[in-house]
Amino acid sequence: SDFIPWLGWIDPQGLTARLVKAREALDKFIDHIIDDHIQKKKQNNYSEEAETDMVDDMLTFYSEETKVNESDDLQNAIKLTRDNIKAIIM
């Protein structure tokens, strides 16, 4: 497909399928990490003095709302969606 572009749909080594599978595995792994941190936050297993990592810091800006970053209020101006957090981690 590098030399004959119209044959790009042929994938004899199966790279496209392996790429999709690897991407799904990475996506599940990061979802698991985020879910663990959200679960810890709900259970309050850590105190204010507990060590936090990058995921905990990003979850402070997490919002499940569909309309994010549309607020005029400066305190609520920065909200991250789950996809935003996953993109930053990757």
PDB file of N, CA and C in Angstrom:
ATOM      1  N   SER A   1       0.814  -1.196   0.000  1.00  0.00           N
ATOM      2  CA  SER A   1       0.000   0.000   0.000  1.00  0.00           C
ATOM      3  C   SER A   1       0.857   1.260   0.000  1.00  0.00           C
ATOM      4  N   ASP A   2       2.145   1.154   0.370  1.00  0.00           N
ATOM      5  CA  ASP A   2       3.012   2.329   0.326  1.00  0.00           C
ATOM      6  C   ASP A   2       3.311   2.746  -1.110  1.00  0.00           C
ATOM      7  N   PHE A   3       3.431   1.761  -1.990  1.00  0.00           N
ATOM      8  CA  PHE A   3       3.777   2.057  -3.373  1.00  0.00           C
ATOM      9  C   PHE A   3       2.556   2.131  -4.278  1.00  0.00           C
ATOM     10  N   ILE A   4       1.498   1.435  -3.912  1.00  0.00           N
ATOM     11  CA  ILE A   4       0.258   1.439  -4.691  1.00  0.00           C
ATOM     12  C   ILE A   4      -0.870   1.818  -3.730  1.00  0.00           C
ATOM     13  N   PRO A   5      -1.173   3.109  -3.623  1.00  0.00           N
ATOM     14  CA  PRO A   5      -2.130   3.576  -2.605  1.00  0.00           C
ATOM     15  C   PRO A   5      -3.519   2.969  -2.696  1.00  0.00           C
ATOM     16  N   TRP A   6      -3.989   2.613  -3.847  1.00  0.00           N
ATOM     17  CA  TRP A   6      -5.339   2.080  -3.952  1.00  0.00           C
ATOM     18  C   TRP A   6      -5.435   0.658  -3.410  1.00  0.00           C
ATOM     19  N   LEU A   7      -4.293   0.056  -3.027  1.00  0.00           N
ATOM     20  CA  LEU A   7      -4.311  -1.251  -2.364  1.00  0.00           C
ATOM     21  C   LEU A   7      -4.186  -1.103  -0.841  1.00  0.00           C
ATOM     22  N   GLY A   8      -4.424   0.087  -0.334  1.00  0.00           N
ATOM     23  CA  GLY A   8      -4.294   0.350   1.096  1.00  0.00           C
ATOM     24  C   GLY A   8      -5.260  -0.434   1.966  1.00  0.00           C
ATOM     25  N   TRP A   9      -6.360  -0.889   1.428  1.00  0.00           N
ATOM     26  CA  TRP A   9      -7.342  -1.638   2.214  1.00  0.00           C
ATOM     27  C   TRP A   9      -6.866  -3.059   2.506  1.00  0.00           C
ATOM     28  N   ILE A  10      -5.831  -3.531   1.776  1.00  0.00           N
ATOM     29  CA  ILE A  10      -5.279  -4.873   2.022  1.00  0.00           C
ATOM     30  C   ILE A  10      -4.292  -4.775   3.186  1.00  0.00           C
ATOM     31  N   ASP A  11      -4.446  -5.648   4.160  1.00  0.00           N
ATOM     32  CA  ASP A  11      -3.575  -5.653   5.339  1.00  0.00           C
ATOM     33  C   ASP A  11      -3.071  -7.073   5.563  1.00  0.00           C
ATOM     34  N   PRO A  12      -2.059  -7.517   4.787  1.00  0.00           N
ATOM     35  CA  PRO A  12      -1.622  -8.915   4.887  1.00  0.00           C
ATOM     36  C   PRO A  12      -0.989  -9.279   6.236  1.00  0.00           C
ATOM     37  N   GLN A  13      -0.367  -8.318   6.925  1.00  0.00           N
ATOM     38  CA  GLN A  13       0.247  -8.623   8.223  1.00  0.00           C
ATOM     39  C   GLN A  13      -0.740  -8.520   9.376  1.00  0.00           C
ATOM     40  N   GLY A  14      -1.910  -7.992   9.127  1.00  0.00           N
ATOM     41  CA  GLY A  14      -2.910  -7.852  10.183  1.00  0.00           C
ATOM     42  C   GLY A  14      -2.615  -6.727  11.152  1.00  0.00           C
ATOM     43  N   LEU A  15      -1.871  -5.731  10.711  1.00  0.00           N
ATOM     44  CA  LEU A  15      -1.496  -4.627  11.599  1.00  0.00           C
ATOM     45  C   LEU A  15      -2.696  -3.805  12.051  1.00  0.00           C
ATOM     46  N   THR A  16      -3.645  -3.607  11.173  1.00  0.00           N
ATOM     47  CA  THR A  16      -4.814  -2.803  11.537  1.00  0.00           C
ATOM     48  C   THR A  16      -5.610  -3.474  12.647  1.00  0.00           C
ATOM     49  N   ALA A  17      -5.822  -4.770  12.526  1.00  0.00           N
ATOM     50  CA  ALA A  17      -6.573  -5.496  13.556  1.00  0.00           C
ATOM     51  C   ALA A  17      -5.816  -5.501  14.881  1.00  0.00           C
ATOM     52  N   ARG A  18      -4.501  -5.674  14.831  1.00  0.00           N
ATOM     53  CA  ARG A  18      -3.703  -5.664  16.057  1.00  0.00           C
ATOM     54  C   ARG A  18      -3.693  -4.280  16.690  1.00  0.00           C
ATOM     55  N   LEU A  19      -3.676  -3.245  15.861  1.00  0.00           N
ATOM     56  CA  LEU A  19      -3.709  -1.886  16.380  1.00  0.00           C
ATOM     57  C   LEU A  19      -5.026  -1.600  17.092  1.00  0.00           C
ATOM     58  N   VAL A  20      -6.126  -2.031  16.516  1.00  0.00           N
ATOM     59  CA  VAL A  20      -7.440  -1.834  17.138  1.00  0.00           C
ATOM     60  C   VAL A  20      -7.518  -2.590  18.464  1.00  0.00           C
ATOM     61  N   LYS A  21      -7.005  -3.809  18.481  1.00  0.00           N
ATOM     62  CA  LYS A  21      -7.037  -4.618  19.706  1.00  0.00           C
ATOM     63  C   LYS A  21      -6.168  -3.998  20.806  1.00  0.00           C
ATOM     64  N   ALA A  22      -4.991  -3.497  20.431  1.00  0.00           N
ATOM     65  CA  ALA A  22      -4.107  -2.865  21.412  1.00  0.00           C
ATOM     66  C   ALA A  22      -4.729  -1.581  21.951  1.00  0.00           C
ATOM     67  N   ARG A  23      -5.387  -0.835  21.097  1.00  0.00           N
ATOM     68  CA  ARG A  23      -6.040   0.410  21.517  1.00  0.00           C
ATOM     69  C   ARG A  23      -7.178   0.129  22.493  1.00  0.00           C
ATOM     70  N   GLU A  24      -7.952  -0.911  22.225  1.00  0.00           N
ATOM     71  CA  GLU A  24      -9.038  -1.286  23.133  1.00  0.00           C
ATOM     72  C   GLU A  24      -8.497  -1.737  24.481  1.00  0.00           C
ATOM     73  N   ALA A  25      -7.386  -2.488  24.476  1.00  0.00           N
ATOM     74  CA  ALA A  25      -6.789  -2.952  25.726  1.00  0.00           C
ATOM     75  C   ALA A  25      -6.276  -1.769  26.547  1.00  0.00           C
ATOM     76  N   LEU A  26      -5.637  -0.810  25.895  1.00  0.00           N
ATOM     77  CA  LEU A  26      -5.145   0.371  26.600  1.00  0.00           C
ATOM     78  C   LEU A  26      -6.299   1.197  27.151  1.00  0.00           C
ATOM     79  N   ASP A  27      -7.359   1.312  26.382  1.00  0.00           N
ATOM     80  CA  ASP A  27      -8.535   2.061  26.813  1.00  0.00           C
ATOM     81  C   ASP A  27      -9.164   1.422  28.053  1.00  0.00           C
ATOM     82  N   LYS A  28      -9.283   0.100  28.062  1.00  0.00           N
ATOM     83  CA  LYS A  28      -9.829  -0.606  29.228  1.00  0.00           C
ATOM     84  C   LYS A  28      -8.932  -0.437  30.446  1.00  0.00           C
ATOM     85  N   PHE A  29      -7.618  -0.480  30.234  1.00  0.00           N
ATOM     86  CA  PHE A  29      -6.664  -0.338  31.329  1.00  0.00           C
ATOM     87  C   PHE A  29      -6.788   1.038  31.982  1.00  0.00           C
ATOM     88  N   ILE A  30      -6.851   2.085  31.166  1.00  0.00           N
ATOM     89  CA  ILE A  30      -6.965   3.438  31.706  1.00  0.00           C
ATOM     90  C   ILE A  30      -8.329   3.641  32.362  1.00  0.00           C
ATOM     91  N   ASP A  31      -9.390   3.062  31.788  1.00  0.00           N
ATOM     92  CA  ASP A  31     -10.708   3.129  32.429  1.00  0.00           C
ATOM     93  C   ASP A  31     -10.670   2.486  33.811  1.00  0.00           C
ATOM     94  N   HIS A  32      -9.957   1.374  33.930  1.00  0.00           N
ATOM     95  CA  HIS A  32      -9.836   0.679  35.210  1.00  0.00           C
ATOM     96  C   HIS A  32      -9.115   1.567  36.234  1.00  0.00           C
ATOM     97  N   ILE A  33      -8.066   2.245  35.806  1.00  0.00           N
ATOM     98  CA  ILE A  33      -7.334   3.142  36.704  1.00  0.00           C
ATOM     99  C   ILE A  33      -8.244   4.273  37.184  1.00  0.00           C
ATOM    100  N   ILE A  34      -8.968   4.879  36.256  1.00  0.00           N
ATOM    101  CA  ILE A  34      -9.861   5.988  36.618  1.00  0.00           C
ATOM    102  C   ILE A  34     -10.970   5.498  37.542  1.00  0.00           C
ATOM    103  N   ASP A  35     -11.544   4.330  37.244  1.00  0.00           N
ATOM    104  CA  ASP A  35     -12.601   3.774  38.096  1.00  0.00           C
ATOM    105  C   ASP A  35     -12.098   3.500  39.504  1.00  0.00           C
ATOM    106  N   ASP A  36     -10.862   2.981  39.625  1.00  0.00           N
ATOM    107  CA  ASP A  36     -10.289   2.734  40.948  1.00  0.00           C
ATOM    108  C   ASP A  36     -10.151   4.027  41.749  1.00  0.00           C
ATOM    109  N   HIS A  37      -9.699   5.075  41.100  1.00  0.00           N
ATOM    110  CA  HIS A  37      -9.532   6.348  41.799  1.00  0.00           C
ATOM    111  C   HIS A  37     -10.881   6.957  42.183  1.00  0.00           C
ATOM    112  N   ILE A  38     -11.870   6.824  41.320  1.00  0.00           N
ATOM    113  CA  ILE A  38     -13.211   7.327  41.648  1.00  0.00           C
ATOM    114  C   ILE A  38     -13.798   6.536  42.811  1.00  0.00           C
ATOM    115  N   GLN A  39     -13.589   5.224  42.812  1.00  0.00           N
ATOM    116  CA  GLN A  39     -14.092   4.375  43.894  1.00  0.00           C
ATOM    117  C   GLN A  39     -13.441   4.743  45.222  1.00  0.00           C
ATOM    118  N   LYS A  40     -12.131   4.989  45.207  1.00  0.00           N
ATOM    119  CA  LYS A  40     -11.442   5.410  46.427  1.00  0.00           C
ATOM    120  C   LYS A  40     -12.009   6.728  46.938  1.00  0.00           C
ATOM    121  N   LYS A  41     -12.285   7.625  46.013  1.00  0.00           N
ATOM    122  CA  LYS A  41     -12.823   8.930  46.398  1.00  0.00           C
ATOM    123  C   LYS A  41     -14.207   8.786  47.025  1.00  0.00           C
ATOM    124  N   LYS A  42     -15.041   7.895  46.477  1.00  0.00           N
ATOM    125  CA  LYS A  42     -16.389   7.679  47.017  1.00  0.00           C
ATOM    126  C   LYS A  42     -16.349   7.010  48.380  1.00  0.00           C
ATOM    127  N   GLN A  43     -15.402   6.103  48.568  1.00  0.00           N
ATOM    128  CA  GLN A  43     -15.316   5.378  49.835  1.00  0.00           C
ATOM    129  C   GLN A  43     -14.589   6.181  50.905  1.00  0.00           C
ATOM    130  N   ASN A  44     -13.949   7.270  50.500  1.00  0.00           N
ATOM    131  CA  ASN A  44     -13.180   8.107  51.430  1.00  0.00           C
ATOM    132  C   ASN A  44     -12.139   7.300  52.183  1.00  0.00           C
ATOM    133  N   ASN A  45     -11.408   6.462  51.462  1.00  0.00           N
ATOM    134  CA  ASN A  45     -10.362   5.651  52.075  1.00  0.00           C
ATOM    135  C   ASN A  45      -9.086   6.434  52.335  1.00  0.00           C
ATOM    136  N   TYR A  46      -9.013   7.629  51.838  1.00  0.00           N
ATOM    137  CA  TYR A  46      -7.812   8.412  52.071  1.00  0.00           C
ATOM    138  C   TYR A  46      -8.189   9.736  52.722  1.00  0.00           C
ATOM    139  N   SER A  47      -7.270  10.242  53.513  1.00  0.00           N
ATOM    140  CA  SER A  47      -7.541  11.495  54.215  1.00  0.00           C
ATOM    141  C   SER A  47      -6.969  12.658  53.406  1.00  0.00           C
ATOM    142  N   GLU A  48      -7.118  13.841  53.948  1.00  0.00           N
ATOM    143  CA  GLU A  48      -6.598  15.041  53.282  1.00  0.00           C
ATOM    144  C   GLU A  48      -5.081  14.974  53.148  1.00  0.00           C
ATOM    145  N   GLU A  49      -4.423  14.293  54.075  1.00  0.00           N
ATOM    146  CA  GLU A  49      -2.967  14.219  54.075  1.00  0.00           C
ATOM    147  C   GLU A  49      -2.441  13.089  53.204  1.00  0.00           C
ATOM    148  N   ALA A  50      -3.298  12.285  52.659  1.00  0.00           N
ATOM    149  CA  ALA A  50      -2.860  11.156  51.846  1.00  0.00           C
ATOM    150  C   ALA A  50      -2.223  11.649  50.559  1.00  0.00           C
ATOM    151  N   GLU A  51      -1.277  10.849  50.082  1.00  0.00           N
ATOM    152  CA  GLU A  51      -0.616  11.204  48.828  1.00  0.00           C
ATOM    153  C   GLU A  51      -1.591  11.084  47.674  1.00  0.00           C
ATOM    154  N   THR A  52      -1.524  12.025  46.790  1.00  0.00           N
ATOM    155  CA  THR A  52      -2.353  11.973  45.594  1.00  0.00           C
ATOM    156  C   THR A  52      -1.441  11.905  44.384  1.00  0.00           C
ATOM    157  N   ASP A  53      -1.956  11.350  43.314  1.00  0.00           N
ATOM    158  CA  ASP A  53      -1.183  11.287  42.083  1.00  0.00           C
ATOM    159  C   ASP A  53      -1.863  12.127  41.009  1.00  0.00           C
ATOM    160  N   MET A  54      -1.355  12.027  39.808  1.00  0.00           N
ATOM    161  CA  MET A  54      -1.856  12.849  38.712  1.00  0.00           C
ATOM    162  C   MET A  54      -3.331  12.587  38.433  1.00  0.00           C
ATOM    163  N   VAL A  55      -3.757  11.331  38.533  1.00  0.00           N
ATOM    164  CA  VAL A  55      -5.153  10.989  38.258  1.00  0.00           C
ATOM    165  C   VAL A  55      -6.064  11.626  39.305  1.00  0.00           C
ATOM    166  N   ASP A  56      -5.659  11.589  40.564  1.00  0.00           N
ATOM    167  CA  ASP A  56      -6.453  12.234  41.615  1.00  0.00           C
ATOM    168  C   ASP A  56      -6.568  13.734  41.376  1.00  0.00           C
ATOM    169  N   ASP A  57      -5.472  14.339  40.954  1.00  0.00           N
ATOM    170  CA  ASP A  57      -5.504  15.775  40.678  1.00  0.00           C
ATOM    171  C   ASP A  57      -6.432  16.096  39.518  1.00  0.00           C
ATOM    172  N   MET A  58      -6.420  15.280  38.481  1.00  0.00           N
ATOM    173  CA  MET A  58      -7.302  15.526  37.337  1.00  0.00           C
ATOM    174  C   MET A  58      -8.759  15.262  37.686  1.00  0.00           C
ATOM    175  N   LEU A  59      -9.012  14.317  38.591  1.00  0.00           N
ATOM    176  CA  LEU A  59     -10.389  14.018  38.978  1.00  0.00           C
ATOM    177  C   LEU A  59     -11.026  15.151  39.783  1.00  0.00           C
ATOM    178  N   THR A  60     -10.216  16.044  40.326  1.00  0.00           N
ATOM    179  CA  THR A  60     -10.797  17.205  40.998  1.00  0.00           C
ATOM    180  C   THR A  60     -11.489  18.122  39.997  1.00  0.00           C
ATOM    181  N   PHE A  61     -11.109  18.024  38.731  1.00  0.00           N
ATOM    182  CA  PHE A  61     -11.733  18.815  37.669  1.00  0.00           C
ATOM    183  C   PHE A  61     -12.709  17.997  36.838  1.00  0.00           C
ATOM    184  N   TYR A  62     -13.005  16.767  37.270  1.00  0.00           N
ATOM    185  CA  TYR A  62     -13.852  15.852  36.500  1.00  0.00           C
ATOM    186  C   TYR A  62     -15.312  16.283  36.559  1.00  0.00           C
ATOM    187  N   SER A  63     -15.976  16.217  35.419  1.00  0.00           N
ATOM    188  CA  SER A  63     -17.395  16.545  35.342  1.00  0.00           C
ATOM    189  C   SER A  63     -18.068  15.572  34.394  1.00  0.00           C
ATOM    190  N   GLU A  64     -19.177  14.987  34.832  1.00  0.00           N
ATOM    191  CA  GLU A  64     -19.913  14.063  33.980  1.00  0.00           C
ATOM    192  C   GLU A  64     -20.922  14.786  33.105  1.00  0.00           C
ATOM    193  N   GLU A  65     -21.036  16.082  33.261  1.00  0.00           N
ATOM    194  CA  GLU A  65     -21.997  16.856  32.486  1.00  0.00           C
ATOM    195  C   GLU A  65     -21.614  16.843  31.011  1.00  0.00           C
ATOM    196  N   THR A  66     -22.625  16.901  30.158  1.00  0.00           N
ATOM    197  CA  THR A  66     -22.355  16.937  28.725  1.00  0.00           C
ATOM    198  C   THR A  66     -21.882  18.308  28.284  1.00  0.00           C
ATOM    199  N   LYS A  67     -22.330  19.346  28.973  1.00  0.00           N
ATOM    200  CA  LYS A  67     -21.905  20.699  28.619  1.00  0.00           C
ATOM    201  C   LYS A  67     -20.799  21.117  29.574  1.00  0.00           C
ATOM    202  N   VAL A  68     -19.573  21.015  29.128  1.00  0.00           N
ATOM    203  CA  VAL A  68     -18.442  21.449  29.935  1.00  0.00           C
ATOM    204  C   VAL A  68     -17.795  22.635  29.247  1.00  0.00           C
ATOM    205  N   ASN A  69     -17.072  23.392  30.026  1.00  0.00           N
ATOM    206  CA  ASN A  69     -16.340  24.563  29.550  1.00  0.00           C
ATOM    207  C   ASN A  69     -17.251  25.611  28.913  1.00  0.00           C
ATOM    208  N   GLU A  70     -18.518  25.654  29.290  1.00  0.00           N
ATOM    209  CA  GLU A  70     -19.431  26.661  28.759  1.00  0.00           C
ATOM    210  C   GLU A  70     -19.918  27.610  29.845  1.00  0.00           C
ATOM    211  N   SER A  71     -19.300  27.563  30.993  1.00  0.00           N
ATOM    212  CA  SER A  71     -19.744  28.379  32.121  1.00  0.00           C
ATOM    213  C   SER A  71     -19.022  29.725  32.121  1.00  0.00           C
ATOM    214  N   ASP A  72     -19.730  30.759  32.567  1.00  0.00           N
ATOM    215  CA  ASP A  72     -19.119  32.074  32.711  1.00  0.00           C
ATOM    216  C   ASP A  72     -18.429  32.216  34.060  1.00  0.00           C
ATOM    217  N   ASP A  73     -18.739  31.334  34.983  1.00  0.00           N
ATOM    218  CA  ASP A  73     -18.147  31.352  36.309  1.00  0.00           C
ATOM    219  C   ASP A  73     -16.704  30.856  36.214  1.00  0.00           C
ATOM    220  N   LEU A  74     -15.748  31.646  36.697  1.00  0.00           N
ATOM    221  CA  LEU A  74     -14.342  31.282  36.556  1.00  0.00           C
ATOM    222  C   LEU A  74     -13.963  30.071  37.395  1.00  0.00           C
ATOM    223  N   GLN A  75     -14.622  29.866  38.523  1.00  0.00           N
ATOM    224  CA  GLN A  75     -14.297  28.708  39.349  1.00  0.00           C
ATOM    225  C   GLN A  75     -14.679  27.414  38.658  1.00  0.00           C
ATOM    226  N   ASN A  76     -15.728  27.423  37.886  1.00  0.00           N
ATOM    227  CA  ASN A  76     -16.188  26.221  37.200  1.00  0.00           C
ATOM    228  C   ASN A  76     -15.781  26.206  35.731  1.00  0.00           C
ATOM    229  N   ALA A  77     -14.851  27.053  35.351  1.00  0.00           N
ATOM    230  CA  ALA A  77     -14.475  27.158  33.940  1.00  0.00           C
ATOM    231  C   ALA A  77     -13.707  25.936  33.460  1.00  0.00           C
ATOM    232  N   ILE A  78     -12.936  25.308  34.328  1.00  0.00           N
ATOM    233  CA  ILE A  78     -12.140  24.160  33.910  1.00  0.00           C
ATOM    234  C   ILE A  78     -12.815  22.889  34.406  1.00  0.00           C
ATOM    235  N   LYS A  79     -13.362  22.131  33.495  1.00  0.00           N
ATOM    236  CA  LYS A  79     -13.956  20.833  33.800  1.00  0.00           C
ATOM    237  C   LYS A  79     -13.433  19.838  32.773  1.00  0.00           C
ATOM    238  N   LEU A  80     -13.073  18.668  33.231  1.00  0.00           N
ATOM    239  CA  LEU A  80     -12.568  17.624  32.347  1.00  0.00           C
ATOM    240  C   LEU A  80     -13.586  16.503  32.238  1.00  0.00           C
ATOM    241  N   THR A  81     -13.720  15.956  31.066  1.00  0.00           N
ATOM    242  CA  THR A  81     -14.541  14.767  30.880  1.00  0.00           C
ATOM    243  C   THR A  81     -13.648  13.543  31.037  1.00  0.00           C
ATOM    244  N   ARG A  82     -14.249  12.384  31.068  1.00  0.00           N
ATOM    245  CA  ARG A  82     -13.492  11.137  31.176  1.00  0.00           C
ATOM    246  C   ARG A  82     -12.552  10.978  29.976  1.00  0.00           C
ATOM    247  N   ASP A  83     -13.018  11.344  28.799  1.00  0.00           N
ATOM    248  CA  ASP A  83     -12.179  11.246  27.605  1.00  0.00           C
ATOM    249  C   ASP A  83     -11.001  12.213  27.673  1.00  0.00           C
ATOM    250  N   ASN A  84     -11.207  13.393  28.249  1.00  0.00           N
ATOM    251  CA  ASN A  84     -10.103  14.341  28.415  1.00  0.00           C
ATOM    252  C   ASN A  84      -9.028  13.760  29.326  1.00  0.00           C
ATOM    253  N   ILE A  85      -9.453  13.153  30.427  1.00  0.00           N
ATOM    254  CA  ILE A  85      -8.502  12.571  31.372  1.00  0.00           C
ATOM    255  C   ILE A  85      -7.742  11.419  30.723  1.00  0.00           C
ATOM    256  N   LYS A  86      -8.455  10.579  29.980  1.00  0.00           N
ATOM    257  CA  LYS A  86      -7.780   9.464  29.309  1.00  0.00           C
ATOM    258  C   LYS A  86      -6.775   9.965  28.279  1.00  0.00           C
ATOM    259  N   ALA A  87      -7.108  11.021  27.570  1.00  0.00           N
ATOM    260  CA  ALA A  87      -6.188  11.569  26.570  1.00  0.00           C
ATOM    261  C   ALA A  87      -4.933  12.133  27.225  1.00  0.00           C
ATOM    262  N   ILE A  88      -5.079  12.780  28.365  1.00  0.00           N
ATOM    263  CA  ILE A  88      -3.918  13.329  29.060  1.00  0.00           C
ATOM    264  C   ILE A  88      -3.030  12.207  29.583  1.00  0.00           C
ATOM    265  N   ILE A  89      -3.617  11.139  30.092  1.00  0.00           N
ATOM    266  CA  ILE A  89      -2.839  10.014  30.608  1.00  0.00           C
ATOM    267  C   ILE A  89      -2.051   9.336  29.495  1.00  0.00           C
ATOM    268  N   MET A  90      -2.682   9.212  28.335  1.00  0.00           N
ATOM    269  CA  MET A  90      -1.987   8.555  27.222  1.00  0.00           C
ATOM    270  C   MET A  90      -0.843   9.408  26.744  1.00  0.00           C
TER     271      MET A  90
END
